[in-house]
N, C-alpha and C. Protein backbone atom coordinates (compact mmCIF):
# COMPACT_ATOMS: atom_id res chain seq x y z
N THR A 1 0.84 -1.32 -0.15
CA THR A 1 0.18 -0.04 0.18
C THR A 1 0.95 1.64 0.09
N ASP A 2 2.55 1.07 0.16
CA ASP A 2 3.09 2.36 0.10
C ASP A 2 2.99 2.67 -1.10
N SER A 3 3.09 2.40 -2.13
CA SER A 3 3.62 2.11 -3.53
C SER A 3 2.51 3.20 -4.36
N THR A 4 1.58 3.36 -3.99
CA THR A 4 0.35 4.32 -4.60
C THR A 4 0.08 5.55 -3.45
N ASP A 5 -0.51 6.44 -4.08
CA ASP A 5 -1.37 7.59 -3.27
C ASP A 5 -1.98 7.14 -2.23
N ASN A 6 -1.90 6.97 -0.75
CA ASN A 6 -2.39 6.82 0.18
C ASN A 6 -3.72 7.73 0.12
N ILE A 7 -5.19 7.66 0.34
CA ILE A 7 -5.68 8.92 0.23
C ILE A 7 -6.43 8.03 2.03
N THR A 8 -6.54 7.41 2.79
CA THR A 8 -6.81 6.49 3.68
C THR A 8 -7.19 8.18 4.97
N SER A 9 -6.36 8.49 5.17
CA SER A 9 -6.33 9.45 6.24
C SER A 9 -7.45 10.70 5.62
N SER A 10 -7.27 10.96 4.36
CA SER A 10 -8.43 12.36 4.11
C SER A 10 -9.25 11.73 3.74
N TRP A 11 -9.61 10.57 3.48
CA TRP A 11 -11.22 10.18 2.61
C TRP A 11 -12.54 10.62 3.85
N SER A 12 -13.24 10.65 3.23
CA SER A 12 -14.62 10.93 4.05
C SER A 12 -15.73 10.10 3.19
N GLU A 13 -16.33 9.52 4.15
CA GLU A 13 -17.76 8.70 3.14
C GLU A 13 -18.49 10.13 2.30
N ASP A 14 -18.51 11.10 2.99
CA ASP A 14 -19.15 12.28 2.28
C ASP A 14 -18.88 12.41 0.95
N PHE A 15 -17.32 12.43 0.36
CA PHE A 15 -16.58 12.17 -0.89
C PHE A 15 -17.52 11.16 -1.90
N LEU A 16 -18.58 10.94 -1.51
CA LEU A 16 -19.23 9.82 -2.67
C LEU A 16 -20.61 10.50 -3.18
N THR A 17 -21.05 11.34 -2.05
CA THR A 17 -22.74 11.73 -2.34
C THR A 17 -22.46 12.38 -4.06
N PRO A 18 -21.66 12.99 -4.68
CA PRO A 18 -21.63 13.64 -5.43
C PRO A 18 -21.80 12.59 -6.67
N TYR A 19 -21.10 11.27 -6.56
CA TYR A 19 -20.75 9.88 -7.57
C TYR A 19 -22.75 9.66 -7.38
N LYS A 20 -23.37 9.33 -5.75
CA LYS A 20 -24.20 8.69 -6.13
C LYS A 20 -25.26 9.36 -6.67
N ASN A 21 -25.15 10.67 -6.37
CA ASN A 21 -26.19 11.63 -7.48
C ASN A 21 -26.33 11.41 -8.36
N LEU A 22 -24.83 11.39 -8.92
CA LEU A 22 -24.60 11.30 -10.48
C LEU A 22 -25.37 10.02 -10.94
N PHE A 23 -24.84 8.78 -10.73
CA PHE A 23 -25.44 7.33 -10.76
C PHE A 23 -26.49 7.50 -10.67
N GLU A 24 -27.04 8.13 -9.54
CA GLU A 24 -28.67 7.79 -10.07
C GLU A 24 -29.22 8.46 -10.88
N GLN A 25 -29.17 9.68 -11.23
CA GLN A 25 -29.55 10.30 -12.85
C GLN A 25 -28.78 9.76 -13.86
N ARG A 26 -27.90 8.66 -13.62
CA ARG A 26 -27.78 8.05 -15.02
C ARG A 26 -27.10 8.99 -16.39
N THR A 27 -26.52 9.82 -15.35
CA THR A 27 -25.63 10.93 -16.76
C THR A 27 -24.11 10.50 -16.76
N ILE A 28 -23.59 9.52 -16.33
CA ILE A 28 -22.55 9.50 -16.05
C ILE A 28 -22.54 8.29 -16.52
N ARG A 29 -21.92 8.05 -18.00
CA ARG A 29 -21.81 6.65 -18.55
C ARG A 29 -20.68 5.94 -18.64
N ALA A 30 -19.12 6.73 -18.24
CA ALA A 30 -17.88 5.90 -17.93
C ALA A 30 -17.48 6.95 -16.64
N ILE A 31 -16.00 5.84 -16.01
CA ILE A 31 -15.56 6.18 -15.10
C ILE A 31 -14.25 6.13 -14.85
N GLN A 32 -13.03 6.95 -14.72
CA GLN A 32 -11.79 6.35 -14.42
C GLN A 32 -11.62 6.37 -12.85
N VAL A 33 -11.20 4.79 -12.68
CA VAL A 33 -10.77 4.65 -11.15
C VAL A 33 -9.10 5.10 -11.14
N SER A 34 -8.57 5.80 -9.87
CA SER A 34 -7.34 5.85 -9.50
C SER A 34 -6.85 5.14 -9.35
N HIS A 35 -5.42 4.91 -8.86
CA HIS A 35 -4.48 4.30 -8.24
C HIS A 35 -4.41 4.04 -7.03
N ALA A 36 -5.02 5.28 -6.53
CA ALA A 36 -5.24 5.74 -4.73
C ALA A 36 -5.09 4.75 -4.04
N THR A 37 -4.59 4.45 -2.82
CA THR A 37 -5.21 3.44 -2.08
C THR A 37 -5.84 3.94 -1.03
N ASN A 38 -6.72 3.13 -0.98
CA ASN A 38 -7.93 3.22 0.48
C ASN A 38 -8.16 2.62 1.61
N ALA A 39 -7.21 2.28 2.57
CA ALA A 39 -7.17 1.05 3.65
C ALA A 39 -8.92 1.04 3.96
N HIS A 40 -9.44 2.04 4.14
CA HIS A 40 -11.33 1.92 4.50
C HIS A 40 -11.89 0.86 3.14
N ILE A 41 -11.54 1.08 2.06
CA ILE A 41 -12.19 0.19 0.84
C ILE A 41 -10.94 -0.81 0.39
N ASP A 42 -9.96 -1.22 0.97
CA ASP A 42 -8.83 -2.52 0.42
C ASP A 42 -7.67 -2.01 0.90
N SER A 43 -7.44 -2.13 1.68
CA SER A 43 -5.86 -2.22 2.72
C SER A 43 -4.65 -2.92 1.64
N SER A 44 -5.16 -3.82 0.60
CA SER A 44 -4.02 -4.43 -0.25
C SER A 44 -4.03 -4.41 -1.46
N TRP A 45 -5.08 -3.52 -2.25
CA TRP A 45 -4.60 -3.19 -3.77
C TRP A 45 -4.93 -1.56 -3.87
N PRO A 46 -4.23 -1.27 -4.74
CA PRO A 46 -4.88 0.36 -5.43
C PRO A 46 -5.89 0.18 -6.31
N GLY A 47 -6.85 1.14 -6.02
CA GLY A 47 -8.16 1.39 -7.02
C GLY A 47 -7.97 0.42 -8.07
N THR A 48 -7.65 0.64 -8.59
CA THR A 48 -7.76 -0.10 -9.98
C THR A 48 -7.70 -1.17 -10.01
N PHE A 49 -6.98 -1.86 -8.81
CA PHE A 49 -6.87 -3.34 -8.84
C PHE A 49 -7.62 -4.02 -7.88
N SER A 50 -8.41 -2.76 -7.25
CA SER A 50 -9.49 -3.60 -6.15
C SER A 50 -10.71 -3.99 -6.17
N HIS A 51 -11.19 -5.09 -6.26
CA HIS A 51 -12.67 -5.84 -6.40
C HIS A 51 -13.49 -4.65 -5.60
N SER A 52 -12.73 -4.83 -3.98
CA SER A 52 -13.66 -4.11 -3.46
C SER A 52 -14.16 -2.50 -3.71
N THR A 53 -13.27 -1.84 -4.56
CA THR A 53 -13.52 -0.65 -5.02
C THR A 53 -14.58 -0.81 -6.52
N VAL A 54 -14.10 -1.13 -7.60
CA VAL A 54 -14.42 -1.53 -8.26
C VAL A 54 -16.02 -1.77 -8.78
N SER A 55 -16.00 -2.92 -8.08
CA SER A 55 -17.20 -3.93 -8.33
C SER A 55 -17.74 -3.63 -6.57
N GLY A 56 -17.48 -3.66 -5.81
CA GLY A 56 -18.24 -3.71 -4.33
C GLY A 56 -18.69 -2.18 -4.38
N LEU A 57 -17.57 -1.10 -3.96
CA LEU A 57 -18.42 0.04 -3.83
C LEU A 57 -18.95 0.93 -5.37
N LEU A 58 -18.40 0.53 -6.17
CA LEU A 58 -18.87 1.86 -7.67
C LEU A 58 -20.10 0.66 -8.61
N ARG A 59 -19.94 -0.19 -8.60
CA ARG A 59 -20.91 -1.03 -9.29
C ARG A 59 -21.89 -1.47 -7.91
N ASP A 60 -21.98 -2.12 -7.32
CA ASP A 60 -22.52 -2.78 -6.32
C ASP A 60 -23.22 -1.59 -4.93
N SER A 61 -22.30 -1.08 -4.17
CA SER A 61 -23.02 -0.06 -3.28
C SER A 61 -23.42 1.30 -4.20
N LEU A 62 -22.89 1.76 -5.26
CA LEU A 62 -23.09 3.12 -5.62
C LEU A 62 -23.97 3.07 -6.70
N GLY A 63 -24.19 1.57 -7.06
CA GLY A 63 -25.20 1.44 -8.67
C GLY A 63 -24.58 1.96 -10.08
N PHE A 64 -23.41 2.14 -9.86
CA PHE A 64 -22.68 2.48 -11.18
C PHE A 64 -22.98 1.43 -12.13
N GLU A 65 -23.47 1.49 -13.63
CA GLU A 65 -23.73 0.20 -14.66
C GLU A 65 -23.01 1.04 -15.89
N GLY A 66 -22.18 1.93 -15.72
CA GLY A 66 -21.38 2.26 -17.11
C GLY A 66 -19.95 1.49 -17.25
N VAL A 67 -18.97 2.05 -17.93
CA VAL A 67 -17.92 1.57 -18.33
C VAL A 67 -16.79 1.83 -17.27
N VAL A 68 -16.06 1.00 -16.87
CA VAL A 68 -15.05 1.73 -16.47
C VAL A 68 -13.69 1.35 -16.52
N PHE A 69 -12.91 2.55 -16.86
CA PHE A 69 -11.66 3.20 -16.90
C PHE A 69 -10.30 2.55 -16.14
N SER A 70 -9.66 1.82 -16.47
CA SER A 70 -8.17 2.23 -15.42
C SER A 70 -7.79 3.28 -15.44
N ASP A 71 -6.64 3.93 -14.38
CA ASP A 71 -5.76 4.68 -14.55
C ASP A 71 -4.44 4.50 -15.19
N ASP A 72 -3.38 4.79 -15.66
CA ASP A 72 -2.58 4.83 -16.86
C ASP A 72 -1.75 3.47 -15.96
N LEU A 73 -2.29 2.00 -16.56
CA LEU A 73 -1.12 1.30 -16.36
C LEU A 73 0.11 1.25 -16.30
N GLN A 74 0.44 2.15 -17.08
CA GLN A 74 2.31 2.65 -16.87
C GLN A 74 2.74 3.48 -16.16
N LYS A 75 2.31 3.74 -15.51
CA LYS A 75 2.75 4.67 -14.46
C LYS A 75 3.42 4.10 -13.84
N PRO A 76 4.85 4.90 -13.59
CA PRO A 76 5.69 4.34 -12.92
C PRO A 76 5.92 3.73 -11.19
N ILE A 77 4.78 4.25 -10.94
CA ILE A 77 3.69 4.23 -9.47
C ILE A 77 3.98 2.72 -9.66
N ILE A 78 2.78 2.02 -10.69
CA ILE A 78 2.32 1.00 -10.76
C ILE A 78 4.04 -0.04 -11.58
N THR A 79 4.38 -0.07 -12.77
CA THR A 79 5.22 -0.65 -13.50
C THR A 79 6.23 -0.89 -12.35
N SER A 80 6.75 -0.09 -11.69
CA SER A 80 7.59 -0.13 -10.75
C SER A 80 7.79 -1.07 -9.39
N ASN A 81 5.99 -1.43 -8.93
CA ASN A 81 5.78 -2.54 -8.02
C ASN A 81 4.99 -3.13 -8.53
N TYR A 82 4.61 -3.37 -9.57
CA TYR A 82 3.76 -4.48 -10.82
C TYR A 82 4.49 -4.88 -12.02
N ASP A 83 4.27 -6.27 -12.26
CA ASP A 83 4.60 -6.58 -13.44
C ASP A 83 3.11 -6.50 -14.48
N LEU A 84 3.39 -6.61 -15.85
CA LEU A 84 2.22 -6.37 -16.63
C LEU A 84 1.04 -6.87 -16.47
N GLU A 85 1.73 -8.61 -16.12
CA GLU A 85 0.28 -9.49 -16.06
C GLU A 85 -0.29 -9.30 -14.85
N THR A 86 0.46 -8.85 -13.56
CA THR A 86 -0.48 -8.88 -12.25
C THR A 86 -1.20 -7.38 -12.99
N SER A 87 -0.96 -6.20 -13.33
CA SER A 87 -1.62 -5.34 -13.47
C SER A 87 -3.44 -5.76 -14.53
N ILE A 88 -2.73 -6.14 -15.61
CA ILE A 88 -4.13 -6.89 -16.13
C ILE A 88 -4.68 -7.18 -15.82
N LEU A 89 -4.00 -8.63 -14.70
CA LEU A 89 -4.79 -9.58 -14.19
C LEU A 89 -6.01 -8.82 -13.10
N GLN A 90 -5.42 -8.19 -12.27
CA GLN A 90 -5.71 -7.16 -10.89
C GLN A 90 -6.93 -6.22 -11.68
N SER A 91 -6.92 -5.60 -12.89
CA SER A 91 -8.00 -4.46 -13.12
C SER A 91 -8.86 -5.36 -13.23
N ILE A 92 -9.06 -6.06 -14.65
CA ILE A 92 -9.64 -7.08 -15.10
C ILE A 92 -10.77 -8.22 -14.14
N ASN A 93 -10.31 -8.24 -13.08
CA ASN A 93 -10.90 -9.16 -12.09
C ASN A 93 -11.27 -8.06 -11.01
N ALA A 94 -11.00 -7.20 -11.00
CA ALA A 94 -11.14 -5.83 -9.86
C ALA A 94 -13.44 -5.30 -10.78
N GLY A 95 -13.00 -5.77 -12.04
CA GLY A 95 -13.79 -4.77 -12.71
C GLY A 95 -14.00 -4.12 -13.57
N VAL A 96 -12.68 -3.81 -13.88
CA VAL A 96 -12.33 -2.79 -14.99
C VAL A 96 -12.91 -2.99 -16.33
N ASP A 97 -13.31 -2.15 -17.40
CA ASP A 97 -13.35 -2.73 -18.58
C ASP A 97 -12.59 -2.49 -19.56
N VAL A 98 -11.77 -1.07 -19.42
CA VAL A 98 -11.02 -1.26 -20.08
C VAL A 98 -9.47 -0.13 -19.50
N LEU A 99 -8.86 -1.06 -20.06
CA LEU A 99 -7.41 -0.72 -20.03
C LEU A 99 -6.59 0.19 -20.39
N VAL A 100 -6.22 1.03 -19.72
CA VAL A 100 -5.34 2.13 -20.06
C VAL A 100 -4.15 2.44 -19.90
N PHE A 101 -3.53 2.40 -21.76
CA PHE A 101 -2.32 2.47 -21.46
C PHE A 101 -1.55 3.96 -22.47
N GLY A 102 -1.15 4.34 -21.56
CA GLY A 102 -0.31 5.87 -22.04
C GLY A 102 0.35 5.88 -22.94
N ASN A 103 1.09 5.09 -22.57
CA ASN A 103 2.34 4.70 -23.43
C ASN A 103 3.30 5.93 -23.64
N ASN A 104 3.49 6.99 -22.53
CA ASN A 104 4.11 7.65 -22.63
C ASN A 104 5.20 8.08 -21.67
N PHE A 105 5.91 6.84 -20.54
CA PHE A 105 6.44 7.60 -19.75
C PHE A 105 7.93 6.06 -19.73
N LYS A 106 7.26 5.61 -20.94
CA LYS A 106 8.22 4.55 -21.66
C LYS A 106 7.55 4.02 -22.57
N TYR A 107 7.67 4.28 -23.72
CA TYR A 107 7.34 3.85 -24.77
C TYR A 107 7.80 2.49 -25.50
N ASP A 108 6.24 1.66 -25.22
CA ASP A 108 6.68 0.15 -26.21
C ASP A 108 5.53 -0.17 -26.72
N GLU A 109 6.04 0.03 -27.95
CA GLU A 109 5.02 -0.19 -29.73
C GLU A 109 4.71 -1.37 -29.79
N ASP A 110 4.90 -2.22 -28.56
CA ASP A 110 4.38 -3.41 -28.68
C ASP A 110 2.89 -3.77 -27.24
N ILE A 111 2.93 -2.68 -26.91
CA ILE A 111 2.04 -2.83 -25.02
C ILE A 111 0.76 -3.65 -25.73
N ALA A 112 0.25 -2.87 -27.10
CA ALA A 112 -1.40 -3.73 -27.03
C ALA A 112 -1.06 -5.24 -27.50
N LYS A 113 -0.12 -5.78 -28.11
CA LYS A 113 0.04 -6.90 -28.34
C LYS A 113 0.65 -7.39 -27.31
N LYS A 114 1.15 -7.03 -26.43
CA LYS A 114 1.60 -7.63 -24.77
C LYS A 114 0.12 -7.72 -24.11
N ALA A 115 -0.49 -7.24 -24.31
CA ALA A 115 -2.03 -6.99 -23.21
C ALA A 115 -2.58 -8.34 -23.65
N ILE A 116 -3.39 -8.02 -24.87
CA ILE A 116 -3.96 -9.19 -25.74
C ILE A 116 -3.31 -10.01 -25.65
N ALA A 117 -1.87 -10.78 -25.45
CA ALA A 117 -1.27 -12.41 -25.42
C ALA A 117 -1.88 -12.54 -23.50
N ILE A 118 -1.74 -11.05 -23.19
CA ILE A 118 -1.33 -11.85 -21.46
C ILE A 118 -2.77 -12.65 -20.70
N ILE A 119 -4.13 -11.10 -21.93
CA ILE A 119 -5.44 -11.87 -21.64
C ILE A 119 -5.83 -12.88 -21.97
N GLN A 120 -5.21 -12.98 -23.29
CA GLN A 120 -5.46 -14.73 -23.70
C GLN A 120 -4.85 -15.59 -22.96
N LYS A 121 -3.76 -15.67 -21.98
CA LYS A 121 -3.64 -16.38 -21.18
C LYS A 121 -4.05 -16.52 -20.05
N LEU A 122 -4.16 -16.17 -19.60
CA LEU A 122 -5.16 -15.58 -18.44
C LEU A 122 -6.44 -16.20 -18.57
N LEU A 123 -6.92 -15.65 -19.73
CA LEU A 123 -8.36 -16.62 -19.94
C LEU A 123 -7.87 -18.23 -20.05
N LYS A 124 -7.08 -18.55 -20.94
CA LYS A 124 -6.83 -20.06 -20.78
C LYS A 124 -6.74 -20.88 -19.61
N GLU A 125 -5.68 -20.11 -18.82
CA GLU A 125 -5.12 -20.67 -17.46
C GLU A 125 -6.49 -20.52 -16.44
N GLY A 126 -7.78 -19.81 -16.92
CA GLY A 126 -9.21 -19.88 -16.08
C GLY A 126 -9.05 -18.67 -14.69
N LYS A 127 -7.47 -17.63 -15.15
CA LYS A 127 -7.59 -16.91 -13.92
C LYS A 127 -8.38 -15.37 -14.11
N ILE A 128 -8.66 -15.31 -15.58
CA ILE A 128 -9.78 -14.24 -15.83
C ILE A 128 -11.24 -15.43 -16.35
N LYS A 129 -11.95 -14.86 -16.06
CA LYS A 129 -13.62 -15.87 -16.63
C LYS A 129 -14.20 -15.15 -17.68
N PRO A 130 -14.55 -16.07 -18.91
CA PRO A 130 -15.13 -15.52 -20.44
C PRO A 130 -15.96 -14.50 -19.83
N GLU A 131 -16.60 -14.96 -19.10
CA GLU A 131 -18.03 -14.09 -18.63
C GLU A 131 -17.57 -12.42 -18.30
N THR A 132 -16.37 -12.36 -17.55
CA THR A 132 -15.86 -11.03 -16.92
C THR A 132 -15.36 -10.20 -18.31
N ILE A 133 -15.34 -10.76 -19.26
CA ILE A 133 -14.86 -10.13 -20.69
C ILE A 133 -16.26 -9.73 -21.14
N GLU A 134 -16.67 -10.89 -21.38
CA GLU A 134 -18.16 -10.25 -22.33
C GLU A 134 -18.93 -9.28 -21.10
N ALA A 135 -18.85 -9.32 -20.08
CA ALA A 135 -19.73 -7.95 -19.47
C ALA A 135 -19.10 -6.74 -19.63
N ALA A 136 -17.81 -6.79 -19.71
CA ALA A 136 -17.24 -5.85 -20.11
C ALA A 136 -17.67 -4.91 -21.66
N LEU A 137 -17.04 -5.75 -22.43
CA LEU A 137 -17.72 -6.16 -23.67
C LEU A 137 -19.04 -5.81 -23.80
N SER A 138 -19.96 -5.59 -23.45
CA SER A 138 -21.71 -5.69 -23.28
C SER A 138 -21.36 -3.95 -22.70
N ARG A 139 -20.64 -3.55 -21.63
CA ARG A 139 -21.03 -2.18 -21.30
C ARG A 139 -20.14 -1.37 -22.58
N ILE A 140 -19.07 -1.69 -22.90
CA ILE A 140 -18.55 -0.65 -23.82
C ILE A 140 -19.34 -0.57 -25.58
N ASP A 141 -20.11 -1.80 -25.47
CA ASP A 141 -20.64 -1.64 -26.46
C ASP A 141 -21.85 -0.88 -26.45
N GLN A 142 -22.75 -0.64 -25.30
CA GLN A 142 -23.79 0.31 -24.70
C GLN A 142 -23.01 1.67 -25.01
N LEU A 143 -21.99 2.00 -24.22
CA LEU A 143 -21.53 3.35 -24.44
C LEU A 143 -21.38 3.94 -25.65
N LYS A 144 -20.81 2.61 -26.76
CA LYS A 144 -20.63 2.99 -28.16
C LYS A 144 -22.27 3.56 -28.85
N GLN A 145 -23.65 3.20 -28.29
CA GLN A 145 -24.72 3.08 -29.27
C GLN A 145 -24.79 4.53 -28.07
N ASP A 146 -24.60 4.12 -27.37
CA ASP A 146 -25.15 5.77 -26.63
C ASP A 146 -24.68 6.82 -27.48
N VAL A 147 -23.23 6.82 -27.68
CA VAL A 147 -22.76 7.97 -28.03
C VAL A 147 -23.07 8.14 -29.19
N ILE A 148 -23.23 7.31 -30.49
CA ILE A 148 -23.73 7.42 -31.47
C ILE A 148 -25.10 7.69 -31.29
N ALA A 149 -26.00 7.41 -30.73
CA ALA A 149 -27.60 7.63 -30.55
C ALA A 149 -27.46 9.33 -30.18
N GLU A 150 -26.78 9.79 -29.55
CA GLU A 150 -26.22 11.19 -29.39
C GLU A 150 -25.98 11.86 -30.39
N LEU A 151 -25.43 11.12 -31.05
CA LEU A 151 -24.42 12.46 -32.26
C LEU A 151 -25.67 12.61 -33.32
N CYS A 152 -26.05 11.45 -33.71
CA CYS A 152 -27.27 11.41 -34.62
C CYS A 152 -28.66 12.45 -34.50
N THR A 153 -28.45 12.41 -33.12
CA THR A 153 -29.84 13.31 -32.43
C THR A 153 -29.35 15.05 -32.91
N CYS A 154 -27.54 15.12 -32.18
CA CYS A 154 -27.12 16.74 -32.74
C CYS A 154 -27.01 16.71 -34.36
N LEU A 155 -27.17 16.07 -34.59
CA LEU A 155 -26.79 16.45 -36.53
C LEU A 155 -28.72 16.55 -37.31
N THR A 156 -29.47 15.82 -36.35
CA THR A 156 -30.93 16.21 -36.68
C THR A 156 -31.25 17.12 -36.38
N THR A 157 -31.54 17.84 -35.72
CA THR A 157 -31.75 18.82 -34.58
C THR A 157 -30.97 20.41 -34.92
C-alpha cells in the first residue's frame, strides 16, 4: 500500500455524495478509477486493482452501470511495483472494463500485443472468466451505442 497515493487518512464517506447523485440520474456513462489506495475500502490493492473498490463500491454500493476505465497501467508508481500480467489480471478481475496504457512514460510499441497475449493466457489458465470479458464488452458496446445515438440526435436537430 505504500506504492501508491494513500488517501486513507483524508478520505470521507461524504466524498461519495456527488457520485451517488450522478449515478442515480444515470448521467455518467463512464468513469476512471485511480491508483490511490484507501484502506477503508481495500488495504491490499490500489483502486484500479481492487475488486472492493470497482465491483463493490462503484458497481454494487453506488449502482454504477457504465464503463470503468483504469488509470494508466504504465505509470511508474505501478510499473515499479507490479508486472504487466499482475496489473492486467487485477484490473480485469476488479471489474475494470477498459485498460488504459498511456504509453508515454516508457514507450512500448508492442504494448497492445503484449496485453492481448496476457489476457488470452489468463483466460486459458482460468484466471479471468470469459463472462467478465463479455460483461465488459457489453458495457462498452452500450456506451458506443449511446454516443452514436447522441451524435445522430445532434446532427438532426
